[in-house]
All heavy atoms as atom14 arrays in JSON, in Angstrom:
{
  "sequence": "FPVGGDRDRDVVIADALERGRAYLDAGAPVVFVPGPLTSDEVRTLVDA",
  "atom14_mask": [
    [1, 1, 1, 1, 1, 1, 1, 1, 1, 1, 1, 0, 0, 0],
    [1, 1, 1, 1, 1, 1, 1, 0, 0, 0, 0, 0, 0, 0],
    [1, 1, 1, 1, 1, 1, 1, 0, 0, 0, 0, 0, 0, 0],
    [1, 1, 1, 1, 0, 0, 0, 0, 0, 0, 0, 0, 0, 0],
    [1, 1, 1, 1, 0, 0, 0, 0, 0, 0, 0, 0, 0, 0],
    [1, 1, 1, 1, 1, 1, 1, 1, 0, 0, 0, 0, 0, 0],
    [1, 1, 1, 1, 1, 1, 1, 1, 1, 1, 1, 0, 0, 0],
    [1, 1, 1, 1, 1, 1, 1, 1, 0, 0, 0, 0, 0, 0],
    [1, 1, 1, 1, 1, 1, 1, 1, 1, 1, 1, 0, 0, 0],
    [1, 1, 1, 1, 1, 1, 1, 1, 0, 0, 0, 0, 0, 0],
    [1, 1, 1, 1, 1, 1, 1, 0, 0, 0, 0, 0, 0, 0],
    [1, 1, 1, 1, 1, 1, 1, 0, 0, 0, 0, 0, 0, 0],
    [1, 1, 1, 1, 1, 1, 1, 1, 0, 0, 0, 0, 0, 0],
    [1, 1, 1, 1, 1, 0, 0, 0, 0, 0, 0, 0, 0, 0],
    [1, 1, 1, 1, 1, 1, 1, 1, 0, 0, 0, 0, 0, 0],
    [1, 1, 1, 1, 1, 0, 0, 0, 0, 0, 0, 0, 0, 0],
    [1, 1, 1, 1, 1, 1, 1, 1, 0, 0, 0, 0, 0, 0],
    [1, 1, 1, 1, 1, 1, 1, 1, 1, 0, 0, 0, 0, 0],
    [1, 1, 1, 1, 1, 1, 1, 1, 1, 1, 1, 0, 0, 0],
    [1, 1, 1, 1, 0, 0, 0, 0, 0, 0, 0, 0, 0, 0],
    [1, 1, 1, 1, 1, 1, 1, 1, 1, 1, 1, 0, 0, 0],
    [1, 1, 1, 1, 1, 0, 0, 0, 0, 0, 0, 0, 0, 0],
    [1, 1, 1, 1, 1, 1, 1, 1, 1, 1, 1, 1, 0, 0],
    [1, 1, 1, 1, 1, 1, 1, 1, 0, 0, 0, 0, 0, 0],
    [1, 1, 1, 1, 1, 1, 1, 1, 0, 0, 0, 0, 0, 0],
    [1, 1, 1, 1, 1, 0, 0, 0, 0, 0, 0, 0, 0, 0],
    [1, 1, 1, 1, 0, 0, 0, 0, 0, 0, 0, 0, 0, 0],
    [1, 1, 1, 1, 1, 0, 0, 0, 0, 0, 0, 0, 0, 0],
    [1, 1, 1, 1, 1, 1, 1, 0, 0, 0, 0, 0, 0, 0],
    [1, 1, 1, 1, 1, 1, 1, 0, 0, 0, 0, 0, 0, 0],
    [1, 1, 1, 1, 1, 1, 1, 0, 0, 0, 0, 0, 0, 0],
    [1, 1, 1, 1, 1, 1, 1, 1, 1, 1, 1, 0, 0, 0],
    [1, 1, 1, 1, 1, 1, 1, 0, 0, 0, 0, 0, 0, 0],
    [1, 1, 1, 1, 1, 1, 1, 0, 0, 0, 0, 0, 0, 0],
    [1, 1, 1, 1, 0, 0, 0, 0, 0, 0, 0, 0, 0, 0],
    [1, 1, 1, 1, 1, 1, 1, 0, 0, 0, 0, 0, 0, 0],
    [1, 1, 1, 1, 1, 1, 1, 1, 0, 0, 0, 0, 0, 0],
    [1, 1, 1, 1, 1, 1, 1, 0, 0, 0, 0, 0, 0, 0],
    [1, 1, 1, 1, 1, 1, 0, 0, 0, 0, 0, 0, 0, 0],
    [1, 1, 1, 1, 1, 1, 1, 1, 0, 0, 0, 0, 0, 0],
    [1, 1, 1, 1, 1, 1, 1, 1, 1, 0, 0, 0, 0, 0],
    [1, 1, 1, 1, 1, 1, 1, 0, 0, 0, 0, 0, 0, 0],
    [1, 1, 1, 1, 1, 1, 1, 1, 1, 1, 1, 0, 0, 0],
    [1, 1, 1, 1, 1, 1, 1, 0, 0, 0, 0, 0, 0, 0],
    [1, 1, 1, 1, 1, 1, 1, 1, 0, 0, 0, 0, 0, 0],
    [1, 1, 1, 1, 1, 1, 1, 0, 0, 0, 0, 0, 0, 0],
    [1, 1, 1, 1, 1, 1, 1, 1, 0, 0, 0, 0, 0, 0],
    [1, 1, 1, 1, 1, 0, 0, 0, 0, 0, 0, 0, 0, 0]
  ],
  "atom14_positions": [
    [[-16.93, 76.96, 155.85], [-16.56, 78.05, 156.75], [-17.2, 79.38, 156.37], [-17.84, 80.02, 157.21], [-15.03, 78.19, 156.82], [-14.37, 77.23, 157.76], [-13.86, 76.03, 157.3], [-14.28, 77.5, 159.12], [-13.26, 75.13, 158.16], [-13.68, 76.61, 160.0], [-13.17, 75.42, 159.51], [0.0, 0.0, 0.0], [0.0, 0.0, 0.0], [0.0, 0.0, 0.0]],
    [[-17.04, 79.87, 155.11], [-17.58, 81.19, 154.79], [-19.09, 81.32, 154.97], [-19.58, 82.37, 155.37], [-17.19, 81.38, 153.32], [-16.0, 80.5, 153.12], [-16.25, 79.32, 153.99], [0.0, 0.0, 0.0], [0.0, 0.0, 0.0], [0.0, 0.0, 0.0], [0.0, 0.0, 0.0], [0.0, 0.0, 0.0], [0.0, 0.0, 0.0], [0.0, 0.0, 0.0]],
    [[-19.84, 80.26, 154.68], [-21.31, 80.33, 154.79], [-21.81, 79.68, 156.07], [-22.75, 80.18, 156.7], [-21.97, 79.67, 153.55], [-23.49, 79.65, 153.7], [-21.58, 80.41, 152.28], [0.0, 0.0, 0.0], [0.0, 0.0, 0.0], [0.0, 0.0, 0.0], [0.0, 0.0, 0.0], [0.0, 0.0, 0.0], [0.0, 0.0, 0.0], [0.0, 0.0, 0.0]],
    [[-21.21, 78.56, 156.44], [-21.71, 77.8, 157.58], [-20.82, 77.8, 158.79], [-20.92, 76.93, 159.66], [0.0, 0.0, 0.0], [0.0, 0.0, 0.0], [0.0, 0.0, 0.0], [0.0, 0.0, 0.0], [0.0, 0.0, 0.0], [0.0, 0.0, 0.0], [0.0, 0.0, 0.0], [0.0, 0.0, 0.0], [0.0, 0.0, 0.0], [0.0, 0.0, 0.0]],
    [[-19.95, 78.79, 158.9], [-18.97, 78.81, 159.98], [-19.51, 79.14, 161.35], [-18.77, 79.07, 162.33], [0.0, 0.0, 0.0], [0.0, 0.0, 0.0], [0.0, 0.0, 0.0], [0.0, 0.0, 0.0], [0.0, 0.0, 0.0], [0.0, 0.0, 0.0], [0.0, 0.0, 0.0], [0.0, 0.0, 0.0], [0.0, 0.0, 0.0], [0.0, 0.0, 0.0]],
    [[-20.8, 79.5, 161.44], [-21.37, 79.8, 162.75], [-21.83, 78.54, 163.47], [-22.3, 78.6, 164.61], [-22.54, 80.76, 162.6], [-23.63, 80.26, 161.67], [-23.38, 79.3, 160.91], [-24.74, 80.83, 161.69], [0.0, 0.0, 0.0], [0.0, 0.0, 0.0], [0.0, 0.0, 0.0], [0.0, 0.0, 0.0], [0.0, 0.0, 0.0], [0.0, 0.0, 0.0]],
    [[-21.7, 77.39, 162.82], [-22.06, 76.13, 163.45], [-20.95, 75.66, 164.37], [-19.85, 76.23, 164.39], [-22.35, 75.07, 162.38], [-23.48, 75.44, 161.41], [-23.55, 74.47, 160.24], [-22.37, 74.6, 159.38], [-22.11, 73.8, 158.35], [-22.94, 72.81, 158.06], [-21.03, 74.0, 157.62], [0.0, 0.0, 0.0], [0.0, 0.0, 0.0], [0.0, 0.0, 0.0]],
    [[-21.22, 74.61, 165.12], [-20.17, 74.01, 165.94], [-18.98, 73.65, 165.07], [-19.14, 73.17, 163.95], [-20.72, 72.75, 166.63], [-19.69, 72.11, 167.53], [-19.56, 72.55, 168.68], [-19.02, 71.16, 167.06], [0.0, 0.0, 0.0], [0.0, 0.0, 0.0], [0.0, 0.0, 0.0], [0.0, 0.0, 0.0], [0.0, 0.0, 0.0], [0.0, 0.0, 0.0]],
    [[-17.79, 73.88, 165.6], [-16.56, 73.69, 164.8], [-16.46, 72.27, 164.26], [-16.09, 72.06, 163.1], [-15.35, 74.0, 165.67], [-14.03, 74.04, 164.93], [-13.84, 75.34, 164.22], [-12.52, 75.44, 163.61], [-12.02, 76.59, 163.16], [-12.72, 77.7, 163.23], [-10.81, 76.61, 162.62], [0.0, 0.0, 0.0], [0.0, 0.0, 0.0], [0.0, 0.0, 0.0]],
    [[-16.79, 71.28, 165.05], [-16.72, 69.89, 164.6], [-17.69, 69.64, 163.45], [-17.39, 68.87, 162.53], [-17.01, 68.94, 165.75], [-15.91, 68.91, 166.79], [-14.78, 69.33, 166.46], [-16.17, 68.47, 167.92], [0.0, 0.0, 0.0], [0.0, 0.0, 0.0], [0.0, 0.0, 0.0], [0.0, 0.0, 0.0], [0.0, 0.0, 0.0], [0.0, 0.0, 0.0]],
    [[-18.85, 70.27, 163.48], [-19.83, 70.12, 162.41], [-19.31, 70.74, 161.12], [-19.46, 70.18, 160.04], [-21.17, 70.77, 162.82], [-22.14, 70.78, 161.65], [-21.77, 70.03, 164.01], [0.0, 0.0, 0.0], [0.0, 0.0, 0.0], [0.0, 0.0, 0.0], [0.0, 0.0, 0.0], [0.0, 0.0, 0.0], [0.0, 0.0, 0.0], [0.0, 0.0, 0.0]],
    [[-18.66, 71.89, 161.24], [-18.11, 72.57, 160.06], [-17.04, 71.7, 159.4], [-17.04, 71.51, 158.18], [-17.52, 73.94, 160.45], [-16.84, 74.59, 159.25], [-18.62, 74.86, 160.98], [0.0, 0.0, 0.0], [0.0, 0.0, 0.0], [0.0, 0.0, 0.0], [0.0, 0.0, 0.0], [0.0, 0.0, 0.0], [0.0, 0.0, 0.0], [0.0, 0.0, 0.0]],
    [[-16.14, 71.16, 160.19], [-15.07, 70.32, 159.63], [-15.66, 69.06, 159.03], [-15.25, 68.62, 157.94], [-14.04, 69.97, 160.73], [-13.24, 71.23, 161.1], [-13.08, 68.89, 160.24], [-12.4, 71.81, 160.0], [0.0, 0.0, 0.0], [0.0, 0.0, 0.0], [0.0, 0.0, 0.0], [0.0, 0.0, 0.0], [0.0, 0.0, 0.0], [0.0, 0.0, 0.0]],
    [[-16.63, 68.45, 159.7], [-17.25, 67.23, 159.15], [-17.93, 67.53, 157.82], [-17.87, 66.71, 156.88], [-18.26, 66.68, 160.15], [0.0, 0.0, 0.0], [0.0, 0.0, 0.0], [0.0, 0.0, 0.0], [0.0, 0.0, 0.0], [0.0, 0.0, 0.0], [0.0, 0.0, 0.0], [0.0, 0.0, 0.0], [0.0, 0.0, 0.0], [0.0, 0.0, 0.0]],
    [[-18.56, 68.68, 157.71], [-19.21, 69.08, 156.46], [-18.16, 69.27, 155.37], [-18.33, 68.81, 154.22], [-20.0, 70.37, 156.68], [-20.97, 70.67, 155.56], [-21.2, 69.79, 154.71], [-21.52, 71.79, 155.53], [0.0, 0.0, 0.0], [0.0, 0.0, 0.0], [0.0, 0.0, 0.0], [0.0, 0.0, 0.0], [0.0, 0.0, 0.0], [0.0, 0.0, 0.0]],
    [[-17.06, 69.96, 155.7], [-15.98, 70.16, 154.72], [-15.4, 68.83, 154.25], [-15.12, 68.64, 153.06], [-14.89, 71.04, 155.32], [0.0, 0.0, 0.0], [0.0, 0.0, 0.0], [0.0, 0.0, 0.0], [0.0, 0.0, 0.0], [0.0, 0.0, 0.0], [0.0, 0.0, 0.0], [0.0, 0.0, 0.0], [0.0, 0.0, 0.0], [0.0, 0.0, 0.0]],
    [[-15.24, 67.9, 155.17], [-14.72, 66.58, 154.82], [-15.66, 65.85, 153.86], [-15.23, 65.31, 152.84], [-14.51, 65.74, 156.08], [-13.35, 66.13, 156.98], [-13.45, 65.4, 158.32], [-12.02, 65.81, 156.31], [0.0, 0.0, 0.0], [0.0, 0.0, 0.0], [0.0, 0.0, 0.0], [0.0, 0.0, 0.0], [0.0, 0.0, 0.0], [0.0, 0.0, 0.0]],
    [[-16.95, 65.83, 154.2], [-17.91, 65.11, 153.36], [-17.99, 65.73, 151.97], [-17.99, 65.02, 150.95], [-19.28, 65.13, 154.03], [-20.34, 64.36, 153.24], [-21.71, 64.4, 153.89], [-21.97, 65.32, 154.68], [-22.54, 63.51, 153.59], [0.0, 0.0, 0.0], [0.0, 0.0, 0.0], [0.0, 0.0, 0.0], [0.0, 0.0, 0.0], [0.0, 0.0, 0.0]],
    [[-18.06, 67.04, 151.93], [-18.17, 67.72, 150.64], [-16.89, 67.56, 149.82], [-16.94, 67.3, 148.62], [-18.51, 69.2, 150.87], [-19.93, 69.41, 151.33], [-20.23, 70.85, 151.69], [-21.66, 70.99, 152.0], [-22.6, 71.21, 151.1], [-22.27, 71.38, 149.82], [-23.86, 71.29, 151.44], [0.0, 0.0, 0.0], [0.0, 0.0, 0.0], [0.0, 0.0, 0.0]],
    [[-15.76, 67.71, 150.47], [-14.5, 67.57, 149.74], [-14.33, 66.2, 149.12], [-13.93, 66.07, 147.96], [0.0, 0.0, 0.0], [0.0, 0.0, 0.0], [0.0, 0.0, 0.0], [0.0, 0.0, 0.0], [0.0, 0.0, 0.0], [0.0, 0.0, 0.0], [0.0, 0.0, 0.0], [0.0, 0.0, 0.0], [0.0, 0.0, 0.0], [0.0, 0.0, 0.0]],
    [[-14.64, 65.17, 149.87], [-14.55, 63.8, 149.33], [-15.48, 63.64, 148.14], [-15.11, 63.03, 147.12], [-14.92, 62.78, 150.41], [-13.9, 62.6, 151.52], [-14.25, 61.35, 152.33], [-13.52, 61.25, 153.58], [-14.01, 61.58, 154.77], [-15.25, 62.05, 154.87], [-13.29, 61.45, 155.87], [0.0, 0.0, 0.0], [0.0, 0.0, 0.0], [0.0, 0.0, 0.0]],
    [[-16.69, 64.18, 148.24], [-17.66, 64.06, 147.15], [-17.16, 64.77, 145.9], [-17.34, 64.27, 144.78], [-19.0, 64.63, 147.58], [0.0, 0.0, 0.0], [0.0, 0.0, 0.0], [0.0, 0.0, 0.0], [0.0, 0.0, 0.0], [0.0, 0.0, 0.0], [0.0, 0.0, 0.0], [0.0, 0.0, 0.0], [0.0, 0.0, 0.0], [0.0, 0.0, 0.0]],
    [[-16.52, 65.92, 146.04], [-16.04, 66.66, 144.88], [-14.85, 65.96, 144.23], [-14.72, 65.95, 143.0], [-15.67, 68.09, 145.28], [-16.82, 68.85, 145.91], [-16.59, 69.94, 146.74], [-18.15, 68.45, 145.71], [-17.65, 70.63, 147.34], [-19.21, 69.13, 146.3], [-18.94, 70.21, 147.12], [-19.99, 70.87, 147.72], [0.0, 0.0, 0.0], [0.0, 0.0, 0.0]],
    [[-13.99, 65.38, 145.05], [-12.89, 64.6, 144.49], [-13.43, 63.38, 143.73], [-12.97, 63.07, 142.62], [-11.93, 64.16, 145.59], [-11.14, 65.28, 146.27], [-10.4, 64.75, 147.49], [-10.14, 65.92, 145.3], [0.0, 0.0, 0.0], [0.0, 0.0, 0.0], [0.0, 0.0, 0.0], [0.0, 0.0, 0.0], [0.0, 0.0, 0.0], [0.0, 0.0, 0.0]],
    [[-14.41, 62.71, 144.31], [-15.03, 61.56, 143.64], [-15.71, 61.98, 142.33], [-15.79, 61.19, 141.38], [-16.06, 60.9, 144.55], [-15.44, 60.16, 145.73], [-14.23, 59.89, 145.68], [-16.18, 59.85, 146.69], [0.0, 0.0, 0.0], [0.0, 0.0, 0.0], [0.0, 0.0, 0.0], [0.0, 0.0, 0.0], [0.0, 0.0, 0.0], [0.0, 0.0, 0.0]],
    [[-16.18, 63.24, 142.27], [-16.86, 63.74, 141.07], [-15.88, 64.21, 140.0], [-16.32, 64.61, 138.92], [-17.81, 64.87, 141.45], [0.0, 0.0, 0.0], [0.0, 0.0, 0.0], [0.0, 0.0, 0.0], [0.0, 0.0, 0.0], [0.0, 0.0, 0.0], [0.0, 0.0, 0.0], [0.0, 0.0, 0.0], [0.0, 0.0, 0.0], [0.0, 0.0, 0.0]],
    [[-14.58, 64.18, 140.32], [-13.58, 64.5, 139.3], [-12.76, 65.73, 139.54], [-11.84, 66.02, 138.76], [0.0, 0.0, 0.0], [0.0, 0.0, 0.0], [0.0, 0.0, 0.0], [0.0, 0.0, 0.0], [0.0, 0.0, 0.0], [0.0, 0.0, 0.0], [0.0, 0.0, 0.0], [0.0, 0.0, 0.0], [0.0, 0.0, 0.0], [0.0, 0.0, 0.0]],
    [[-13.05, 66.51, 140.59], [-12.23, 67.68, 140.87], [-10.83, 67.24, 141.3], [-10.7, 66.34, 142.13], [-12.86, 68.54, 141.97], [0.0, 0.0, 0.0], [0.0, 0.0, 0.0], [0.0, 0.0, 0.0], [0.0, 0.0, 0.0], [0.0, 0.0, 0.0], [0.0, 0.0, 0.0], [0.0, 0.0, 0.0], [0.0, 0.0, 0.0], [0.0, 0.0, 0.0]],
    [[-9.78, 67.88, 140.79], [-8.43, 67.48, 141.19], [-8.03, 67.99, 142.57], [-7.19, 67.38, 143.23], [-7.53, 68.1, 140.11], [-8.34, 69.21, 139.53], [-9.77, 68.83, 139.66], [0.0, 0.0, 0.0], [0.0, 0.0, 0.0], [0.0, 0.0, 0.0], [0.0, 0.0, 0.0], [0.0, 0.0, 0.0], [0.0, 0.0, 0.0], [0.0, 0.0, 0.0]],
    [[-8.63, 69.11, 143.0], [-8.31, 69.67, 144.32], [-9.57, 70.27, 144.93], [-10.52, 70.62, 144.22], [-7.19, 70.74, 144.26], [-5.83, 70.11, 144.05], [-7.48, 71.77, 143.17], [0.0, 0.0, 0.0], [0.0, 0.0, 0.0], [0.0, 0.0, 0.0], [0.0, 0.0, 0.0], [0.0, 0.0, 0.0], [0.0, 0.0, 0.0], [0.0, 0.0, 0.0]],
    [[-9.54, 70.4, 146.26], [-10.66, 70.97, 147.01], [-10.14, 72.16, 147.8], [-9.1, 72.08, 148.46], [-11.27, 69.93, 147.97], [-12.29, 70.59, 148.89], [-11.91, 68.8, 147.19], [0.0, 0.0, 0.0], [0.0, 0.0, 0.0], [0.0, 0.0, 0.0], [0.0, 0.0, 0.0], [0.0, 0.0, 0.0], [0.0, 0.0, 0.0], [0.0, 0.0, 0.0]],
    [[-10.89, 73.26, 147.75], [-10.53, 74.5, 148.43], [-11.39, 74.63, 149.69], [-12.62, 74.67, 149.61], [-10.77, 75.66, 147.48], [-10.38, 77.03, 148.0], [-9.37, 77.2, 148.93], [-11.03, 78.16, 147.52], [-9.0, 78.45, 149.38], [-10.68, 79.42, 147.97], [-9.66, 79.57, 148.9], [0.0, 0.0, 0.0], [0.0, 0.0, 0.0], [0.0, 0.0, 0.0]],
    [[-10.72, 74.71, 150.83], [-11.41, 74.91, 152.11], [-10.91, 76.23, 152.7], [-9.98, 76.25, 153.51], [-11.17, 73.75, 153.09], [-11.97, 73.95, 154.37], [-11.54, 72.41, 152.45], [0.0, 0.0, 0.0], [0.0, 0.0, 0.0], [0.0, 0.0, 0.0], [0.0, 0.0, 0.0], [0.0, 0.0, 0.0], [0.0, 0.0, 0.0], [0.0, 0.0, 0.0]],
    [[-11.52, 77.36, 152.29], [-11.09, 78.64, 152.85], [-11.64, 78.82, 154.26], [-12.82, 78.6, 154.51], [-11.71, 79.66, 151.89], [-12.92, 78.97, 151.35], [-12.59, 77.51, 151.29], [0.0, 0.0, 0.0], [0.0, 0.0, 0.0], [0.0, 0.0, 0.0], [0.0, 0.0, 0.0], [0.0, 0.0, 0.0], [0.0, 0.0, 0.0], [0.0, 0.0, 0.0]],
    [[-10.76, 79.19, 155.16], [-11.19, 79.38, 156.53], [-9.99, 79.44, 157.45], [-8.86, 79.13, 157.05], [0.0, 0.0, 0.0], [0.0, 0.0, 0.0], [0.0, 0.0, 0.0], [0.0, 0.0, 0.0], [0.0, 0.0, 0.0], [0.0, 0.0, 0.0], [0.0, 0.0, 0.0], [0.0, 0.0, 0.0], [0.0, 0.0, 0.0], [0.0, 0.0, 0.0]],
    [[-10.2, 79.81, 158.7], [-9.11, 79.92, 159.68], [-8.72, 78.56, 160.24], [-8.98, 78.25, 161.41], [-9.71, 80.84, 160.74], [-11.18, 80.52, 160.7], [-11.5, 80.23, 159.26], [0.0, 0.0, 0.0], [0.0, 0.0, 0.0], [0.0, 0.0, 0.0], [0.0, 0.0, 0.0], [0.0, 0.0, 0.0], [0.0, 0.0, 0.0], [0.0, 0.0, 0.0]],
    [[-8.11, 77.74, 159.41], [-7.82, 76.35, 159.8], [-6.64, 76.26, 160.76], [-5.64, 76.97, 160.61], [-7.5, 75.53, 158.54], [-8.61, 75.42, 157.49], [-8.08, 74.75, 156.24], [-9.81, 74.66, 158.05], [0.0, 0.0, 0.0], [0.0, 0.0, 0.0], [0.0, 0.0, 0.0], [0.0, 0.0, 0.0], [0.0, 0.0, 0.0], [0.0, 0.0, 0.0]],
    [[-6.75, 75.35, 161.7], [-5.62, 75.03, 162.58], [-4.77, 73.94, 161.93], [-5.18, 73.29, 160.96], [-6.12, 74.53, 163.93], [-6.78, 73.26, 163.74], [-7.09, 75.52, 164.57], [0.0, 0.0, 0.0], [0.0, 0.0, 0.0], [0.0, 0.0, 0.0], [0.0, 0.0, 0.0], [0.0, 0.0, 0.0], [0.0, 0.0, 0.0], [0.0, 0.0, 0.0]],
    [[-3.6, 73.72, 162.49], [-2.72, 72.66, 161.97], [-3.41, 71.3, 162.05], [-3.34, 70.5, 161.1], [-1.42, 72.63, 162.77], [-0.7, 73.83, 162.62], [0.0, 0.0, 0.0], [0.0, 0.0, 0.0], [0.0, 0.0, 0.0], [0.0, 0.0, 0.0], [0.0, 0.0, 0.0], [0.0, 0.0, 0.0], [0.0, 0.0, 0.0], [0.0, 0.0, 0.0]],
    [[-4.08, 71.01, 163.17], [-4.76, 69.73, 163.31], [-5.88, 69.58, 162.28], [-6.09, 68.49, 161.74], [-5.32, 69.58, 164.72], [-4.25, 69.31, 165.76], [-3.12, 68.93, 165.37], [-4.53, 69.49, 166.95], [0.0, 0.0, 0.0], [0.0, 0.0, 0.0], [0.0, 0.0, 0.0], [0.0, 0.0, 0.0], [0.0, 0.0, 0.0], [0.0, 0.0, 0.0]],
    [[-6.59, 70.66, 161.99], [-7.67, 70.6, 161.0], [-7.11, 70.39, 159.6], [-7.68, 69.62, 158.8], [-8.52, 71.85, 161.09], [-9.36, 71.9, 162.36], [-9.95, 73.27, 162.63], [-9.5, 74.26, 162.02], [-10.87, 73.35, 163.47], [0.0, 0.0, 0.0], [0.0, 0.0, 0.0], [0.0, 0.0, 0.0], [0.0, 0.0, 0.0], [0.0, 0.0, 0.0]],
    [[-6.02, 71.05, 159.29], [-5.38, 70.82, 157.99], [-4.95, 69.37, 157.87], [-5.17, 68.72, 156.84], [-4.17, 71.76, 157.81], [-3.36, 71.36, 156.57], [-4.62, 73.21, 157.69], [0.0, 0.0, 0.0], [0.0, 0.0, 0.0], [0.0, 0.0, 0.0], [0.0, 0.0, 0.0], [0.0, 0.0, 0.0], [0.0, 0.0, 0.0], [0.0, 0.0, 0.0]],
    [[-4.36, 68.83, 158.93], [-3.91, 67.44, 158.91], [-5.1, 66.5, 158.7], [-5.02, 65.54, 157.92], [-3.2, 67.1, 160.23], [-2.61, 65.69, 160.27], [-1.86, 65.44, 161.57], [-0.66, 66.27, 161.67], [-0.55, 67.34, 162.46], [-1.58, 67.72, 163.22], [0.56, 68.04, 162.49], [0.0, 0.0, 0.0], [0.0, 0.0, 0.0], [0.0, 0.0, 0.0]],
    [[-6.21, 66.77, 159.36], [-7.41, 65.95, 159.21], [-7.91, 65.98, 157.77], [-8.28, 64.94, 157.19], [-8.51, 66.44, 160.16], [-8.08, 66.26, 161.51], [-9.81, 65.68, 159.95], [0.0, 0.0, 0.0], [0.0, 0.0, 0.0], [0.0, 0.0, 0.0], [0.0, 0.0, 0.0], [0.0, 0.0, 0.0], [0.0, 0.0, 0.0], [0.0, 0.0, 0.0]],
    [[-7.93, 67.16, 157.17], [-8.41, 67.29, 155.79], [-7.47, 66.59, 154.81], [-7.92, 65.91, 153.9], [-8.53, 68.78, 155.43], [-9.67, 69.53, 156.14], [-9.47, 71.04, 156.02], [-11.03, 69.13, 155.58], [0.0, 0.0, 0.0], [0.0, 0.0, 0.0], [0.0, 0.0, 0.0], [0.0, 0.0, 0.0], [0.0, 0.0, 0.0], [0.0, 0.0, 0.0]],
    [[-6.17, 66.74, 155.0], [-5.2, 66.08, 154.11], [-5.31, 64.56, 154.26], [-5.25, 63.83, 153.26], [-3.77, 66.57, 154.4], [-2.75, 65.72, 153.63], [-3.62, 68.04, 154.0], [0.0, 0.0, 0.0], [0.0, 0.0, 0.0], [0.0, 0.0, 0.0], [0.0, 0.0, 0.0], [0.0, 0.0, 0.0], [0.0, 0.0, 0.0], [0.0, 0.0, 0.0]],
    [[-5.46, 64.09, 155.47], [-5.62, 62.64, 155.68], [-6.84, 62.11, 154.93], [-6.82, 60.99, 154.41], [-5.74, 62.32, 157.17], [-4.42, 62.47, 157.92], [-3.37, 62.55, 157.25], [-4.45, 62.51, 159.16], [0.0, 0.0, 0.0], [0.0, 0.0, 0.0], [0.0, 0.0, 0.0], [0.0, 0.0, 0.0], [0.0, 0.0, 0.0], [0.0, 0.0, 0.0]],
    [[-7.89, 62.91, 154.89], [-9.13, 62.47, 154.23], [-9.06, 62.57, 152.72], [-9.54, 61.69, 152.0], [-10.31, 63.29, 154.75], [0.0, 0.0, 0.0], [0.0, 0.0, 0.0], [0.0, 0.0, 0.0], [0.0, 0.0, 0.0], [0.0, 0.0, 0.0], [0.0, 0.0, 0.0], [0.0, 0.0, 0.0], [0.0, 0.0, 0.0], [0.0, 0.0, 0.0]]
  ]
}
């Protein structure tokens, strides 16, 4: 969001999902997604 938030919203969320999964797989205990998230987007990220 902070750097790539000018892209289509679906692209931004898909990027956050892919990156977050990769960081968790790399050993990070939590992933920070700063941005103006909606409830549905938060739910999507938590599900992933």
